[in-house]
Amino acid sequence: MIPAHPALARKRAVVTGAARGLGRMLALRLAAEGAHVALVGLEADELKTAAEECGPHARAFEADITDTAALAHAATRVEEHFGGLDIVVANAGIAAGGPFADTAATDFDRVIEVNLLGSIATARAFLPALQRSRGYLLQLASLAAMAPAPLMGAYCTGKAGVEAFAHCLAPEVAGDGVDVGVAYLSWTDTDMVRGADADAALAHMRKRLPWPMNRTYAPEPAVERLLAGIARRRAHVYGQPWLRAVQGVRGALPGLIAAFAPRELARLAPQLAATRHARAGAVGAGGAADMRARHDRDQRG
């Protein structure tokens, strides 16, 4: 395979949330471009398999990004193993859906803990290595950072938070030669999105969003755009090209969504009430893995 991005050859890269989904796909593509990849996340067996698929210059490091001690230890091991670090992709995240009033505080707060505080912990753990190499940090945000989605309060809050954090961090570390980028993706066909769509009420509400926000997109083109953004150390990366245009009109989106959402939510109210007990925890296989990890940590005290 002829590399599409020669600048990535022999770069030392970390991808969090690399056991499955976009993280795994991105790790594989970085490896195919000649990068040496550290796959960080939960699900040890999945991580190990993904690292093996990446080839001899990849290695798995199991760590919960909300466990600061474990993440700091992983960062030390990554730098020791690879002799430095050039790229960090803060990809790990989970989602939970449903009305705020019906969502358990532990479930809502866990999404914030993983998506926002976990991303901040990732930057804290790996930033010293990036400062030494004058490297690049890419924070995955989402369309959810731009557009408020009813029934997705925790996810939108977390993604808006990491977008703001990355934009604050960028000028602080620019003098160290570190570039910080924010990546935006719309609904992309991953375990997480499929898990959300398994809830009929959530799927219905999503379909009522304005086009093209209501579509599900293939992951492969998004991964290629992320890869190009990393190679060029972009400040903003768009997994779907139309998201660039959303930046210019995002201020109008809350009003637009508020114009139709209350009516749709009223129609869904009986269904949402009848199924609220089946809506506990984070969605998809990645969400299930996070719940197991959280349970294990609670058991250890």
Foldseek 3Di string as FASTA:
>chain_A
DDAPQLLLAQAEEEFEPCLFDLNLVLLLNSLVSHYQYEYEEADVVSQQVSQVSSDDSYDYQYDQLLPLVSLLVSLVVSCVVSVFHAEYEHDDAFFFFAAPVLADPVQLVVRLSCLAVSSVSNCVNNVVRCLVVLHEYEYEAEVLLLAPQHRGVSNSVSRVNVVVVQVVVQVVCVVSNYFYAYEYEAAEPTQQSVQQVVQVLSLVSLCPDDPPNSDYHYQVQLSVQVVVCRSVSDNYTYSDVCVVVSVVVSVCRVVVCVVPVVVSCVVCVVVSVVCSVVRYFTTGPSRVSVVVVVVVVVVVD
